[in-house]
């Protein structure tokens, strides 16, 4: 029979990761205490350290290019130029075929 996969709550993950960051006990001791694998604890520790700067981020910052869904002005002008060239080509083609 297949074993059910364990899932952990975010508060538990944070608690374990903070224990690992404090380095009062070794990763092996923490793993034994919480019945986890050391790799899992190191992963949670890494995620905590990488995400810690987001906590102190100021919400007043301007959106970056990745978060903005609007295309840049240069891209729009480029598209307008391409469409104008296509339109002129089509007008010439229709005029030639009509004659």
PDB file of N, CA and C in Angstrom:
ATOM      1  N   UNK A   1       0.837  -1.179   0.000  1.00  0.00           N
ATOM      2  CA  UNK A   1       0.000   0.000   0.000  1.00  0.00           C
ATOM      3  C   UNK A   1       0.880   1.239   0.000  1.00  0.00           C
ATOM      4  N   UNK A   2       0.522   2.219  -0.795  1.00  0.00           N
ATOM      5  CA  UNK A   2       1.320   3.439  -0.918  1.00  0.00           C
ATOM      6  C   UNK A   2       1.165   4.294   0.340  1.00  0.00           C
ATOM      7  N   UNK A   3       2.283   4.873   0.708  1.00  0.00           N
ATOM      8  CA  UNK A   3       2.304   5.736   1.883  1.00  0.00           C
ATOM      9  C   UNK A   3       1.827   7.130   1.504  1.00  0.00           C
ATOM     10  N   UNK A   4       1.012   7.763   2.353  1.00  0.00           N
ATOM     11  CA  UNK A   4       0.504   9.103   2.063  1.00  0.00           C
ATOM     12  C   UNK A   4       1.619  10.119   2.277  1.00  0.00           C
ATOM     13  N   UNK A   5       1.728  11.046   1.335  1.00  0.00           N
ATOM     14  CA  UNK A   5       2.746  12.091   1.397  1.00  0.00           C
ATOM     15  C   UNK A   5       2.405  13.082   2.501  1.00  0.00           C
ATOM     16  N   UNK A   6       3.392  13.416   3.301  1.00  0.00           N
ATOM     17  CA  UNK A   6       3.187  14.370   4.392  1.00  0.00           C
ATOM     18  C   UNK A   6       3.243  15.789   3.846  1.00  0.00           C
ATOM     19  N   UNK A   7       2.412  16.648   4.412  1.00  0.00           N
ATOM     20  CA  UNK A   7       2.465  18.060   4.047  1.00  0.00           C
ATOM     21  C   UNK A   7       2.610  18.860   5.341  1.00  0.00           C
ATOM     22  N   UNK A   8       3.329  19.958   5.237  1.00  0.00           N
ATOM     23  CA  UNK A   8       3.642  20.761   6.412  1.00  0.00           C
ATOM     24  C   UNK A   8       3.089  22.165   6.238  1.00  0.00           C
ATOM     25  N   UNK A   9       2.631  22.731   7.331  1.00  0.00           N
ATOM     26  CA  UNK A   9       2.064  24.078   7.286  1.00  0.00           C
ATOM     27  C   UNK A   9       3.188  25.112   7.208  1.00  0.00           C
ATOM     28  N   UNK A  10       2.893  26.266   6.646  1.00  0.00           N
ATOM     29  CA  UNK A  10       3.905  27.335   6.577  1.00  0.00           C
ATOM     30  C   UNK A  10       4.469  27.737   7.950  1.00  0.00           C
ATOM     31  N   UNK A  11       3.649  27.818   9.009  1.00  0.00           N
ATOM     32  CA  UNK A  11       4.239  28.162  10.315  1.00  0.00           C
ATOM     33  C   UNK A  11       5.250  27.112  10.808  1.00  0.00           C
ATOM     34  N   UNK A  12       4.959  25.831  10.532  1.00  0.00           N
ATOM     35  CA  UNK A  12       5.890  24.776  10.940  1.00  0.00           C
ATOM     36  C   UNK A  12       7.194  24.888  10.156  1.00  0.00           C
ATOM     37  N   UNK A  13       7.075  25.136   8.842  1.00  0.00           N
ATOM     38  CA  UNK A  13       8.272  25.286   8.017  1.00  0.00           C
ATOM     39  C   UNK A  13       9.120  26.457   8.507  1.00  0.00           C
ATOM     40  N   UNK A  14       8.452  27.566   8.840  1.00  0.00           N
ATOM     41  CA  UNK A  14       9.170  28.745   9.322  1.00  0.00           C
ATOM     42  C   UNK A  14       9.872  28.452  10.638  1.00  0.00           C
ATOM     43  N   UNK A  15       9.201  27.736  11.517  1.00  0.00           N
ATOM     44  CA  UNK A  15       9.778  27.385  12.816  1.00  0.00           C
ATOM     45  C   UNK A  15      11.043  26.538  12.645  1.00  0.00           C
ATOM     46  N   UNK A  16      10.955  25.533  11.805  1.00  0.00           N
ATOM     47  CA  UNK A  16      12.098  24.651  11.566  1.00  0.00           C
ATOM     48  C   UNK A  16      13.234  25.410  10.876  1.00  0.00           C
ATOM     49  N   UNK A  17      12.893  26.235   9.898  1.00  0.00           N
ATOM     50  CA  UNK A  17      13.911  27.001   9.177  1.00  0.00           C
ATOM     51  C   UNK A  17      14.610  27.983  10.114  1.00  0.00           C
ATOM     52  N   UNK A  18      13.862  28.617  10.998  1.00  0.00           N
ATOM     53  CA  UNK A  18      14.478  29.539  11.962  1.00  0.00           C
ATOM     54  C   UNK A  18      15.412  28.811  12.921  1.00  0.00           C
ATOM     55  N   UNK A  19      15.018  27.612  13.318  1.00  0.00           N
ATOM     56  CA  UNK A  19      15.921  26.799  14.157  1.00  0.00           C
ATOM     57  C   UNK A  19      17.229  26.544  13.425  1.00  0.00           C
ATOM     58  N   UNK A  20      17.136  26.247  12.140  1.00  0.00           N
ATOM     59  CA  UNK A  20      18.332  25.963  11.350  1.00  0.00           C
ATOM     60  C   UNK A  20      19.180  27.210  11.175  1.00  0.00           C
ATOM     61  N   UNK A  21      18.543  28.365  11.007  1.00  0.00           N
ATOM     62  CA  UNK A  21      19.288  29.618  10.821  1.00  0.00           C
ATOM     63  C   UNK A  21      20.014  30.001  12.108  1.00  0.00           C
ATOM     64  N   UNK A  22      19.382  29.787  13.243  1.00  0.00           N
ATOM     65  CA  UNK A  22      19.993  30.136  14.535  1.00  0.00           C
ATOM     66  C   UNK A  22      21.246  29.317  14.829  1.00  0.00           C
ATOM     67  N   UNK A  23      21.306  28.111  14.287  1.00  0.00           N
ATOM     68  CA  UNK A  23      22.456  27.212  14.437  1.00  0.00           C
ATOM     69  C   UNK A  23      22.777  26.879  15.889  1.00  0.00           C
ATOM     70  N   UNK A  24      21.730  26.799  16.728  1.00  0.00           N
ATOM     71  CA  UNK A  24      21.927  26.351  18.114  1.00  0.00           C
ATOM     72  C   UNK A  24      22.144  24.841  18.111  1.00  0.00           C
ATOM     73  N   UNK A  25      21.394  24.147  17.256  1.00  0.00           N
ATOM     74  CA  UNK A  25      21.540  22.710  17.084  1.00  0.00           C
ATOM     75  C   UNK A  25      22.004  22.444  15.656  1.00  0.00           C
ATOM     76  N   UNK A  26      22.561  21.299  15.436  1.00  0.00           N
ATOM     77  CA  UNK A  26      22.967  20.930  14.082  1.00  0.00           C
ATOM     78  C   UNK A  26      21.741  20.554  13.264  1.00  0.00           C
ATOM     79  N   UNK A  27      21.920  20.519  11.967  1.00  0.00           N
ATOM     80  CA  UNK A  27      20.824  20.141  11.071  1.00  0.00           C
ATOM     81  C   UNK A  27      20.371  18.714  11.376  1.00  0.00           C
ATOM     82  N   UNK A  28      21.315  17.859  11.684  1.00  0.00           N
ATOM     83  CA  UNK A  28      20.979  16.465  12.004  1.00  0.00           C
ATOM     84  C   UNK A  28      20.114  16.375  13.252  1.00  0.00           C
ATOM     85  N   UNK A  29      20.441  17.165  14.256  1.00  0.00           N
ATOM     86  CA  UNK A  29      19.644  17.157  15.485  1.00  0.00           C
ATOM     87  C   UNK A  29      18.236  17.682  15.237  1.00  0.00           C
ATOM     88  N   UNK A  30      18.131  18.735  14.445  1.00  0.00           N
ATOM     89  CA  UNK A  30      16.815  19.290  14.116  1.00  0.00           C
ATOM     90  C   UNK A  30      16.007  18.277  13.309  1.00  0.00           C
ATOM     91  N   UNK A  31      16.662  17.601  12.368  1.00  0.00           N
ATOM     92  CA  UNK A  31      15.997  16.599  11.539  1.00  0.00           C
ATOM     93  C   UNK A  31      15.465  15.454  12.396  1.00  0.00           C
ATOM     94  N   UNK A  32      16.253  15.008  13.346  1.00  0.00           N
ATOM     95  CA  UNK A  32      15.824  13.937  14.237  1.00  0.00           C
ATOM     96  C   UNK A  32      14.654  14.386  15.100  1.00  0.00           C
ATOM     97  N   UNK A  33      14.737  15.585  15.617  1.00  0.00           N
ATOM     98  CA  UNK A  33      13.706  16.117  16.510  1.00  0.00           C
ATOM     99  C   UNK A  33      12.349  16.199  15.804  1.00  0.00           C
ATOM    100  N   UNK A  34      12.350  16.662  14.566  1.00  0.00           N
ATOM    101  CA  UNK A  34      11.099  16.867  13.837  1.00  0.00           C
ATOM    102  C   UNK A  34      10.771  15.745  12.864  1.00  0.00           C
ATOM    103  N   UNK A  35      11.599  14.706  12.842  1.00  0.00           N
ATOM    104  CA  UNK A  35      11.420  13.545  11.953  1.00  0.00           C
ATOM    105  C   UNK A  35      11.348  13.987  10.480  1.00  0.00           C
ATOM    106  N   UNK A  36      12.347  14.754  10.082  1.00  0.00           N
ATOM    107  CA  UNK A  36      12.479  15.251   8.716  1.00  0.00           C
ATOM    108  C   UNK A  36      13.831  14.849   8.160  1.00  0.00           C
ATOM    109  N   UNK A  37      13.999  15.013   6.861  1.00  0.00           N
ATOM    110  CA  UNK A  37      15.287  14.771   6.228  1.00  0.00           C
ATOM    111  C   UNK A  37      16.086  16.075   6.247  1.00  0.00           C
ATOM    112  N   UNK A  38      17.387  15.969   6.396  1.00  0.00           N
ATOM    113  CA  UNK A  38      18.247  17.147   6.475  1.00  0.00           C
ATOM    114  C   UNK A  38      18.169  17.989   5.206  1.00  0.00           C
ATOM    115  N   UNK A  39      18.004  17.349   4.074  1.00  0.00           N
ATOM    116  CA  UNK A  39      17.887  18.080   2.808  1.00  0.00           C
ATOM    117  C   UNK A  39      16.658  18.988   2.813  1.00  0.00           C
ATOM    118  N   UNK A  40      15.565  18.484   3.378  1.00  0.00           N
ATOM    119  CA  UNK A  40      14.332  19.274   3.443  1.00  0.00           C
ATOM    120  C   UNK A  40      14.535  20.500   4.332  1.00  0.00           C
ATOM    121  N   UNK A  41      15.218  20.334   5.426  1.00  0.00           N
ATOM    122  CA  UNK A  41      15.486  21.456   6.331  1.00  0.00           C
ATOM    123  C   UNK A  41      16.377  22.481   5.654  1.00  0.00           C
ATOM    124  N   UNK A  42      17.394  22.018   4.959  1.00  0.00           N
ATOM    125  CA  UNK A  42      18.271  22.950   4.231  1.00  0.00           C
ATOM    126  C   UNK A  42      17.515  23.705   3.147  1.00  0.00           C
ATOM    127  N   UNK A  43      16.563  23.046   2.484  1.00  0.00           N
ATOM    128  CA  UNK A  43      15.751  23.703   1.465  1.00  0.00           C
ATOM    129  C   UNK A  43      14.898  24.812   2.085  1.00  0.00           C
ATOM    130  N   UNK A  44      14.240  24.511   3.210  1.00  0.00           N
ATOM    131  CA  UNK A  44      13.416  25.508   3.891  1.00  0.00           C
ATOM    132  C   UNK A  44      14.269  26.663   4.406  1.00  0.00           C
ATOM    133  N   UNK A  45      15.460  26.352   4.880  1.00  0.00           N
ATOM    134  CA  UNK A  45      16.378  27.390   5.368  1.00  0.00           C
ATOM    135  C   UNK A  45      16.768  28.321   4.213  1.00  0.00           C
ATOM    136  N   UNK A  46      17.074  27.729   3.069  1.00  0.00           N
ATOM    137  CA  UNK A  46      17.449  28.510   1.890  1.00  0.00           C
ATOM    138  C   UNK A  46      16.296  29.406   1.448  1.00  0.00           C
ATOM    139  N   UNK A  47      15.074  28.851   1.424  1.00  0.00           N
ATOM    140  CA  UNK A  47      13.897  29.627   1.036  1.00  0.00           C
ATOM    141  C   UNK A  47      13.659  30.785   2.008  1.00  0.00           C
ATOM    142  N   UNK A  48      13.874  30.547   3.283  1.00  0.00           N
ATOM    143  CA  UNK A  48      13.705  31.598   4.275  1.00  0.00           C
ATOM    144  C   UNK A  48      14.708  32.718   4.063  1.00  0.00           C
ATOM    145  N   UNK A  49      15.954  32.359   3.857  1.00  0.00           N
ATOM    146  CA  UNK A  49      16.983  33.378   3.675  1.00  0.00           C
ATOM    147  C   UNK A  49      16.791  34.164   2.379  1.00  0.00           C
ATOM    148  N   UNK A  50      16.339  33.498   1.311  1.00  0.00           N
ATOM    149  CA  UNK A  50      16.115  34.180   0.037  1.00  0.00           C
ATOM    150  C   UNK A  50      14.892  35.093   0.091  1.00  0.00           C
ATOM    151  N   UNK A  51      13.883  34.690   0.851  1.00  0.00           N
ATOM    152  CA  UNK A  51      12.656  35.469   0.910  1.00  0.00           C
ATOM    153  C   UNK A  51      12.632  36.504   2.016  1.00  0.00           C
ATOM    154  N   UNK A  52      13.649  36.537   2.849  1.00  0.00           N
ATOM    155  CA  UNK A  52      13.656  37.448   3.991  1.00  0.00           C
ATOM    156  C   UNK A  52      13.668  38.907   3.560  1.00  0.00           C
ATOM    157  N   UNK A  53      14.309  39.222   2.456  1.00  0.00           N
ATOM    158  CA  UNK A  53      14.380  40.621   2.026  1.00  0.00           C
ATOM    159  C   UNK A  53      13.018  41.144   1.576  1.00  0.00           C
ATOM    160  N   UNK A  54      12.128  40.258   1.165  1.00  0.00           N
ATOM    161  CA  UNK A  54      10.790  40.690   0.739  1.00  0.00           C
ATOM    162  C   UNK A  54       9.972  41.246   1.906  1.00  0.00           C
ATOM    163  N   UNK A  55      10.277  40.819   3.095  1.00  0.00           N
ATOM    164  CA  UNK A  55       9.552  41.286   4.275  1.00  0.00           C
ATOM    165  C   UNK A  55       9.761  42.785   4.468  1.00  0.00           C
ATOM    166  N   UNK A  56      10.956  43.254   4.213  1.00  0.00           N
ATOM    167  CA  UNK A  56      11.306  44.646   4.464  1.00  0.00           C
ATOM    168  C   UNK A  56      11.183  45.530   3.233  1.00  0.00           C
ATOM    169  N   UNK A  57      10.661  44.979   2.148  1.00  0.00           N
ATOM    170  CA  UNK A  57      10.548  45.725   0.911  1.00  0.00           C
ATOM    171  C   UNK A  57       9.472  46.802   1.051  1.00  0.00           C
ATOM    172  N   UNK A  58       9.751  47.973   0.519  1.00  0.00           N
ATOM    173  CA  UNK A  58       8.831  49.096   0.575  1.00  0.00           C
ATOM    174  C   UNK A  58       7.777  48.934  -0.508  1.00  0.00           C
ATOM    175  N   UNK A  59       6.527  49.058  -0.158  1.00  0.00           N
ATOM    176  CA  UNK A  59       5.442  48.879  -1.104  1.00  0.00           C
ATOM    177  C   UNK A  59       5.280  50.037  -2.063  1.00  0.00           C
ATOM    178  N   UNK A  60       6.028  51.111  -1.898  1.00  0.00           N
ATOM    179  CA  UNK A  60       5.885  52.294  -2.741  1.00  0.00           C
ATOM    180  C   UNK A  60       6.772  52.254  -3.971  1.00  0.00           C
ATOM    181  N   UNK A  61       7.484  51.186  -4.198  1.00  0.00           N
ATOM    182  CA  UNK A  61       8.381  51.114  -5.345  1.00  0.00           C
ATOM    183  C   UNK A  61       7.583  51.023  -6.633  1.00  0.00           C
ATOM    184  N   UNK A  62       8.166  51.498  -7.724  1.00  0.00           N
ATOM    185  CA  UNK A  62       7.518  51.457  -9.025  1.00  0.00           C
ATOM    186  C   UNK A  62       7.575  50.042  -9.569  1.00  0.00           C
ATOM    187  N   UNK A  63       6.564  49.637 -10.331  1.00  0.00           N
ATOM    188  CA  UNK A  63       6.582  48.288 -10.900  1.00  0.00           C
ATOM    189  C   UNK A  63       7.718  48.137 -11.904  1.00  0.00           C
ATOM    190  N   UNK A  64       8.335  46.987 -11.891  1.00  0.00           N
ATOM    191  CA  UNK A  64       9.421  46.713 -12.830  1.00  0.00           C
ATOM    192  C   UNK A  64       8.838  46.228 -14.146  1.00  0.00           C
ATOM    193  N   UNK A  65       9.699  46.029 -15.114  1.00  0.00           N
ATOM    194  CA  UNK A  65       9.258  45.613 -16.449  1.00  0.00           C
ATOM    195  C   UNK A  65       8.556  44.254 -16.392  1.00  0.00           C
ATOM    196  N   UNK A  66       9.021  43.338 -15.510  1.00  0.00           N
ATOM    197  CA  UNK A  66       8.416  42.017 -15.440  1.00  0.00           C
ATOM    198  C   UNK A  66       6.988  42.083 -14.902  1.00  0.00           C
ATOM    199  N   UNK A  67       6.714  42.999 -13.958  1.00  0.00           N
ATOM    200  CA  UNK A  67       5.388  43.058 -13.359  1.00  0.00           C
ATOM    201  C   UNK A  67       4.419  43.868 -14.205  1.00  0.00           C
ATOM    202  N   UNK A  68       4.919  44.728 -15.071  1.00  0.00           N
ATOM    203  CA  UNK A  68       4.051  45.558 -15.899  1.00  0.00           C
ATOM    204  C   UNK A  68       3.594  44.771 -17.115  1.00  0.00           C
ATOM    205  N   UNK A  69       2.291  44.805 -17.373  1.00  0.00           N
ATOM    206  CA  UNK A  69       1.744  44.085 -18.526  1.00  0.00           C
ATOM    207  C   UNK A  69       1.705  44.948 -19.773  1.00  0.00           C
ATOM    208  N   UNK A  70       1.959  46.253 -19.632  1.00  0.00           N
ATOM    209  CA  UNK A  70       1.903  47.142 -20.769  1.00  0.00           C
ATOM    210  C   UNK A  70       3.214  47.098 -21.559  1.00  0.00           C
ATOM    211  N   UNK A  71       3.105  47.031 -22.886  1.00  0.00           N
ATOM    212  CA  UNK A  71       4.333  47.015 -23.693  1.00  0.00           C
ATOM    213  C   UNK A  71       5.015  48.382 -23.673  1.00  0.00           C
ATOM    214  N   UNK A  72       6.290  48.383 -23.913  1.00  0.00           N
ATOM    215  CA  UNK A  72       7.069  49.609 -23.948  1.00  0.00           C
ATOM    216  C   UNK A  72       6.712  50.428 -25.184  1.00  0.00           C
ATOM    217  N   UNK A  73       6.948  51.745 -25.109  1.00  0.00           N
ATOM    218  CA  UNK A  73       6.634  52.647 -26.214  1.00  0.00           C
ATOM    219  C   UNK A  73       7.407  52.272 -27.473  1.00  0.00           C
ATOM    220  N   UNK A  74       8.672  51.892 -27.319  1.00  0.00           N
ATOM    221  CA  UNK A  74       9.495  51.527 -28.474  1.00  0.00           C
ATOM    222  C   UNK A  74       8.894  50.331 -29.211  1.00  0.00           C
ATOM    223  N   UNK A  75       8.375  49.363 -28.453  1.00  0.00           N
ATOM    224  CA  UNK A  75       7.762  48.198 -29.078  1.00  0.00           C
ATOM    225  C   UNK A  75       6.519  48.605 -29.857  1.00  0.00           C
ATOM    226  N   UNK A  76       5.748  49.511 -29.295  1.00  0.00           N
ATOM    227  CA  UNK A  76       4.534  49.955 -29.975  1.00  0.00           C
ATOM    228  C   UNK A  76       4.845  50.713 -31.263  1.00  0.00           C
ATOM    229  N   UNK A  77       5.845  51.607 -31.211  1.00  0.00           N
ATOM    230  CA  UNK A  77       6.239  52.333 -32.418  1.00  0.00           C
ATOM    231  C   UNK A  77       6.764  51.382 -33.490  1.00  0.00           C
ATOM    232  N   UNK A  78       7.475  50.358 -33.077  1.00  0.00           N
ATOM    233  CA  UNK A  78       7.987  49.360 -34.021  1.00  0.00           C
ATOM    234  C   UNK A  78       6.830  48.634 -34.708  1.00  0.00           C
ATOM    235  N   UNK A  79       5.834  48.274 -33.908  1.00  0.00           N
ATOM    236  CA  UNK A  79       4.674  47.581 -34.465  1.00  0.00           C
ATOM    237  C   UNK A  79       3.902  48.492 -35.425  1.00  0.00           C
ATOM    238  N   UNK A  80       3.750  49.758 -35.073  1.00  0.00           N
ATOM    239  CA  UNK A  80       3.066  50.714 -35.950  1.00  0.00           C
ATOM    240  C   UNK A  80       3.802  50.826 -37.285  1.00  0.00           C
ATOM    241  N   UNK A  81       5.126  50.893 -37.222  1.00  0.00           N
ATOM    242  CA  UNK A  81       5.932  50.972 -38.441  1.00  0.00           C
ATOM    243  C   UNK A  81       5.734  49.764 -39.335  1.00  0.00           C
ATOM    244  N   UNK A  82       5.743  48.585 -38.744  1.00  0.00           N
ATOM    245  CA  UNK A  82       5.542  47.358 -39.520  1.00  0.00           C
ATOM    246  C   UNK A  82       4.165  47.344 -40.170  1.00  0.00           C
ATOM    247  N   UNK A  83       3.152  47.758 -39.426  1.00  0.00           N
ATOM    248  CA  UNK A  83       1.795  47.759 -39.962  1.00  0.00           C
ATOM    249  C   UNK A  83       1.649  48.757 -41.104  1.00  0.00           C
ATOM    250  N   UNK A  84       2.314  49.910 -40.998  1.00  0.00           N
ATOM    251  CA  UNK A  84       2.273  50.901 -42.083  1.00  0.00           C
ATOM    252  C   UNK A  84       2.897  50.334 -43.351  1.00  0.00           C
ATOM    253  N   UNK A  85       4.030  49.657 -43.212  1.00  0.00           N
ATOM    254  CA  UNK A  85       4.711  49.064 -44.374  1.00  0.00           C
ATOM    255  C   UNK A  85       3.816  48.008 -45.014  1.00  0.00           C
ATOM    256  N   UNK A  86       3.169  47.187 -44.189  1.00  0.00           N
ATOM    257  CA  UNK A  86       2.276  46.159 -44.729  1.00  0.00           C
ATOM    258  C   UNK A  86       1.085  46.783 -45.460  1.00  0.00           C
ATOM    259  N   UNK A  87       0.543  47.855 -44.878  1.00  0.00           N
ATOM    260  CA  UNK A  87      -0.592  48.524 -45.491  1.00  0.00           C
ATOM    261  C   UNK A  87      -0.219  49.112 -46.851  1.00  0.00           C
ATOM    262  N   UNK A  88       0.935  49.763 -46.925  1.00  0.00           N
ATOM    263  CA  UNK A  88       1.394  50.333 -48.192  1.00  0.00           C
ATOM    264  C   UNK A  88       1.601  49.241 -49.232  1.00  0.00           C
ATOM    265  N   UNK A  89       2.160  48.133 -48.836  1.00  0.00           N
ATOM    266  CA  UNK A  89       2.401  47.013 -49.745  1.00  0.00           C
ATOM    267  C   UNK A  89       1.079  46.471 -50.267  1.00  0.00           C
ATOM    268  N   UNK A  90       0.099  46.335 -49.365  1.00  0.00           N
ATOM    269  CA  UNK A  90      -1.206  45.825 -49.780  1.00  0.00           C
ATOM    270  C   UNK A  90      -1.903  46.792 -50.730  1.00  0.00           C
ATOM    271  N   UNK A  91      -1.783  48.101 -50.490  1.00  0.00           N
ATOM    272  CA  UNK A  91      -2.390  49.098 -51.379  1.00  0.00           C
ATOM    273  C   UNK A  91      -1.781  48.992 -52.779  1.00  0.00           C
ATOM    274  N   UNK A  92      -0.475  48.842 -52.858  1.00  0.00           N
ATOM    275  CA  UNK A  92       0.197  48.715 -54.154  1.00  0.00           C
ATOM    276  C   UNK A  92      -0.247  47.440 -54.857  1.00  0.00           C
ATOM    277  N   UNK A  93      -0.339  46.354 -54.095  1.00  0.00           N
ATOM    278  CA  UNK A  93      -0.712  45.055 -54.662  1.00  0.00           C
ATOM    279  C   UNK A  93      -2.130  45.102 -55.222  1.00  0.00           C
ATOM    280  N   UNK A  94      -3.057  45.727 -54.475  1.00  0.00           N
ATOM    281  CA  UNK A  94      -4.444  45.824 -54.932  1.00  0.00           C
ATOM    282  C   UNK A  94      -4.521  46.703 -56.173  1.00  0.00           C
ATOM    283  N   UNK A  95      -3.746  47.800 -56.191  1.00  0.00           N
ATOM    284  CA  UNK A  95      -3.757  48.692 -57.354  1.00  0.00           C
ATOM    285  C   UNK A  95      -3.228  47.969 -58.580  1.00  0.00           C
ATOM    286  N   UNK A  96      -2.216  47.140 -58.452  1.00  0.00           N
ATOM    287  CA  UNK A  96      -1.640  46.405 -59.584  1.00  0.00           C
ATOM    288  C   UNK A  96      -2.604  45.346 -60.074  1.00  0.00           C
ATOM    289  N   UNK A  97      -3.257  44.644 -59.180  1.00  0.00           N
ATOM    290  CA  UNK A  97      -4.171  43.573 -59.549  1.00  0.00           C
ATOM    291  C   UNK A  97      -5.446  44.127 -60.160  1.00  0.00           C
ATOM    292  N   UNK A  98      -5.835  45.327 -59.779  1.00  0.00           N
ATOM    293  CA  UNK A  98      -7.054  45.938 -60.288  1.00  0.00           C
ATOM    294  C   UNK A  98      -6.895  46.453 -61.698  1.00  0.00           C
ATOM    295  N   UNK A  99      -5.678  46.753 -62.093  1.00  0.00           N
ATOM    296  CA  UNK A  99      -5.444  47.319 -63.434  1.00  0.00           C
ATOM    297  C   UNK A  99      -5.350  46.275 -64.494  1.00  0.00           C
TER     298      UNK A  99
END
